[in-house]
Each structure stands twice: as structure tokens, then as C-alpha cells.
N, C-alpha and C. Protein backbone atom coordinates (compact mmCIF):
# COMPACT_ATOMS: atom_id res chain seq x y z
N MET A 1 228.54 33.92 185.55
CA MET A 1 228.13 34.63 186.74
C MET A 1 226.61 34.68 186.80
N GLY A 2 226.02 34.42 187.96
CA GLY A 2 224.57 34.41 188.13
C GLY A 2 223.98 35.82 188.16
N ASN A 3 222.70 35.87 187.95
CA ASN A 3 222.00 37.15 188.01
C ASN A 3 221.79 37.56 189.46
N GLU A 4 222.08 38.80 189.75
CA GLU A 4 221.82 39.32 191.08
C GLU A 4 220.41 39.88 191.11
N LEU A 5 219.80 39.81 192.29
CA LEU A 5 218.44 40.31 192.45
C LEU A 5 218.43 41.59 193.27
N SER A 6 217.61 42.53 192.84
CA SER A 6 217.37 43.75 193.59
C SER A 6 215.92 43.75 194.04
N TYR A 7 215.70 44.10 195.29
CA TYR A 7 214.35 44.15 195.84
C TYR A 7 213.58 45.29 195.20
N VAL A 8 212.39 45.00 194.70
CA VAL A 8 211.53 46.03 194.11
C VAL A 8 210.43 46.41 195.08
N GLY A 9 209.72 45.40 195.60
CA GLY A 9 208.64 45.72 196.52
C GLY A 9 207.86 44.50 196.95
N GLU A 10 206.88 44.76 197.80
CA GLU A 10 206.02 43.71 198.33
C GLU A 10 204.59 44.21 198.25
N THR A 11 203.69 43.33 197.82
CA THR A 11 202.28 43.71 197.77
C THR A 11 201.67 43.44 199.14
N GLY A 12 200.49 43.90 199.35
CA GLY A 12 199.82 43.73 200.63
C GLY A 12 199.50 42.29 200.97
N ASN A 13 199.55 41.39 199.97
CA ASN A 13 199.19 40.00 200.23
C ASN A 13 200.42 39.11 200.42
N GLY A 14 201.59 39.69 200.60
CA GLY A 14 202.79 38.91 200.87
C GLY A 14 203.59 38.51 199.65
N CYS A 15 203.24 39.03 198.51
CA CYS A 15 203.97 38.73 197.28
C CYS A 15 205.22 39.61 197.21
N LEU A 16 206.35 39.00 196.90
CA LEU A 16 207.62 39.71 196.83
C LEU A 16 208.06 39.83 195.37
N ILE A 17 208.54 41.01 194.99
CA ILE A 17 208.97 41.26 193.62
C ILE A 17 210.44 41.72 193.65
N PHE A 18 211.24 41.05 192.83
CA PHE A 18 212.66 41.38 192.68
C PHE A 18 212.96 41.60 191.21
N ARG A 19 214.05 42.31 190.92
CA ARG A 19 214.48 42.53 189.54
C ARG A 19 215.87 41.94 189.35
N GLU A 20 216.02 41.14 188.29
CA GLU A 20 217.32 40.57 187.95
C GLU A 20 218.15 41.63 187.22
N THR A 21 219.45 41.40 187.19
CA THR A 21 220.32 42.32 186.45
C THR A 21 220.04 42.27 184.95
N THR A 22 219.38 41.20 184.48
CA THR A 22 219.01 41.09 183.07
C THR A 22 217.80 41.95 182.73
N GLY A 23 217.12 42.48 183.76
CA GLY A 23 215.93 43.30 183.54
C GLY A 23 214.64 42.55 183.75
N ARG A 24 214.71 41.24 183.87
CA ARG A 24 213.50 40.46 184.13
C ARG A 24 213.15 40.54 185.61
N TYR A 25 211.91 40.19 185.92
CA TYR A 25 211.42 40.25 187.30
C TYR A 25 211.21 38.84 187.83
N VAL A 26 211.44 38.68 189.12
CA VAL A 26 211.23 37.42 189.81
C VAL A 26 210.19 37.67 190.89
N VAL A 27 209.16 36.82 190.89
CA VAL A 27 208.04 36.97 191.81
C VAL A 27 207.94 35.73 192.68
N SER A 28 207.80 35.93 193.98
CA SER A 28 207.57 34.81 194.89
C SER A 28 206.60 35.26 195.97
N HIS A 29 206.19 34.32 196.80
CA HIS A 29 205.28 34.64 197.90
C HIS A 29 205.93 34.24 199.20
N GLU A 30 205.76 35.05 200.23
CA GLU A 30 206.44 34.79 201.51
C GLU A 30 206.01 33.47 202.12
N GLN A 31 204.82 32.96 201.80
CA GLN A 31 204.38 31.67 202.34
C GLN A 31 204.87 30.50 201.50
N GLN A 32 205.39 30.77 200.29
CA GLN A 32 205.93 29.73 199.41
C GLN A 32 207.23 30.23 198.77
N PRO A 33 208.26 30.47 199.58
CA PRO A 33 209.48 31.09 199.05
C PRO A 33 210.23 30.23 198.03
N HIS A 34 210.03 28.92 198.06
CA HIS A 34 210.71 28.03 197.11
C HIS A 34 210.07 28.11 195.73
N ARG A 35 208.87 28.63 195.65
CA ARG A 35 208.15 28.72 194.38
C ARG A 35 208.29 30.15 193.84
N HIS A 36 208.81 30.29 192.64
CA HIS A 36 208.96 31.62 192.08
C HIS A 36 208.72 31.58 190.57
N HIS A 37 208.41 32.75 190.03
CA HIS A 37 208.16 32.90 188.59
C HIS A 37 209.02 34.03 188.06
N ARG A 38 209.54 33.85 186.87
CA ARG A 38 210.27 34.91 186.18
C ARG A 38 209.35 35.48 185.10
N VAL A 39 209.24 36.79 185.07
CA VAL A 39 208.38 37.46 184.09
C VAL A 39 209.13 38.60 183.43
N ALA A 40 208.58 39.08 182.34
CA ALA A 40 209.29 40.05 181.50
C ALA A 40 209.26 41.48 182.01
N ASN A 41 208.18 41.88 182.68
CA ASN A 41 208.08 43.29 183.07
C ASN A 41 207.33 43.44 184.40
N LEU A 42 207.30 44.66 184.89
CA LEU A 42 206.70 44.91 186.20
C LEU A 42 205.20 44.67 186.20
N ALA A 43 204.53 45.01 185.11
CA ALA A 43 203.09 44.76 185.03
C ALA A 43 202.81 43.26 185.15
N SER A 44 203.61 42.45 184.51
CA SER A 44 203.46 41.00 184.59
C SER A 44 203.74 40.50 186.01
N ALA A 45 204.68 41.14 186.68
CA ALA A 45 204.99 40.76 188.06
C ALA A 45 203.78 40.99 188.96
N TYR A 46 203.13 42.14 188.82
CA TYR A 46 201.95 42.41 189.63
C TYR A 46 200.79 41.49 189.26
N ALA A 47 200.66 41.16 187.98
CA ALA A 47 199.63 40.21 187.55
C ALA A 47 199.89 38.83 188.15
N THR A 48 201.14 38.43 188.23
CA THR A 48 201.50 37.16 188.84
C THR A 48 201.16 37.17 190.33
N CYS A 49 201.42 38.27 191.00
CA CYS A 49 201.05 38.40 192.41
C CYS A 49 199.54 38.26 192.57
N HIS A 50 198.80 38.87 191.68
CA HIS A 50 197.34 38.76 191.74
C HIS A 50 196.93 37.30 191.55
N GLY A 51 197.61 36.60 190.66
CA GLY A 51 197.34 35.18 190.44
C GLY A 51 197.62 34.34 191.68
N PHE A 52 198.71 34.66 192.39
CA PHE A 52 199.01 33.97 193.65
C PHE A 52 197.85 34.15 194.63
N GLU A 53 197.36 35.38 194.75
CA GLU A 53 196.28 35.66 195.69
C GLU A 53 195.00 34.95 195.28
N MET A 54 194.69 34.95 194.00
CA MET A 54 193.48 34.26 193.54
C MET A 54 193.59 32.76 193.79
N GLY A 55 194.75 32.20 193.61
CA GLY A 55 194.96 30.79 193.87
C GLY A 55 194.76 30.45 195.34
N ARG A 56 195.22 31.32 196.21
CA ARG A 56 195.05 31.10 197.65
C ARG A 56 193.58 31.19 198.02
N GLN A 57 192.85 32.14 197.44
CA GLN A 57 191.43 32.28 197.74
C GLN A 57 190.66 31.07 197.24
N ASN A 58 190.97 30.61 196.04
CA ASN A 58 190.27 29.47 195.46
C ASN A 58 190.54 28.20 196.25
N SER A 59 191.79 27.99 196.70
CA SER A 59 192.08 26.78 197.47
C SER A 59 191.39 26.82 198.82
N GLY A 60 191.25 27.99 199.41
CA GLY A 60 190.52 28.12 200.66
C GLY A 60 189.03 27.85 200.48
N LEU A 61 188.48 28.31 199.37
CA LEU A 61 187.08 28.08 199.06
C LEU A 61 186.83 26.59 198.84
N LEU A 62 187.70 25.92 198.12
CA LEU A 62 187.56 24.49 197.86
C LEU A 62 187.65 23.70 199.16
N ALA A 63 188.55 24.09 200.05
CA ALA A 63 188.69 23.40 201.33
C ALA A 63 187.43 23.59 202.18
N ALA A 64 186.86 24.78 202.16
CA ALA A 64 185.64 25.05 202.93
C ALA A 64 184.47 24.25 202.36
N GLN A 65 184.40 24.15 201.04
CA GLN A 65 183.32 23.39 200.42
C GLN A 65 183.45 21.90 200.74
N ALA A 66 184.68 21.40 200.76
CA ALA A 66 184.90 19.98 201.05
C ALA A 66 184.57 19.66 202.50
N ALA A 67 184.83 20.60 203.39
CA ALA A 67 184.60 20.38 204.81
C ALA A 67 183.13 20.51 205.18
N GLY A 68 182.39 21.29 204.40
CA GLY A 68 181.06 21.59 204.86
C GLY A 68 179.98 21.15 203.99
């Protein structure tokens, strides 16, 4: 039987956090729903969300530098 997910919350930047029945957390982003990470605890889930946001900012900065 697969793990069921329970909704935990959403950060202001569109990051979604769910909890598996095993106690682990699943993190995804609303703009990349096919991409997700499993982490051990809630603190790691929020850190992963922060990483998603930093990645988006860095890719935007790189695109701006390439264009200009």
C-alpha cells in the first residue's frame, strides 16, 4: 500500500509541504509540481522550500545577465 499524503502548508513563494504516513515530508513547488523532494522533518522541508526560492532567483539573475 502506498503512502498517503496529508497537506501541511504552503509558503508565500508557492512551495507546498505534505506529510507522508511514514512521517517523512514531501516538498514541491506549484510551478514545478512534477518535481518533488522527500525530507526527514519539517525544518528540512522549509529549508528545501528556501532552496527552491533561491534557485528561482538565481536562474532569473542569470537570464537577466545573459540578456543584458
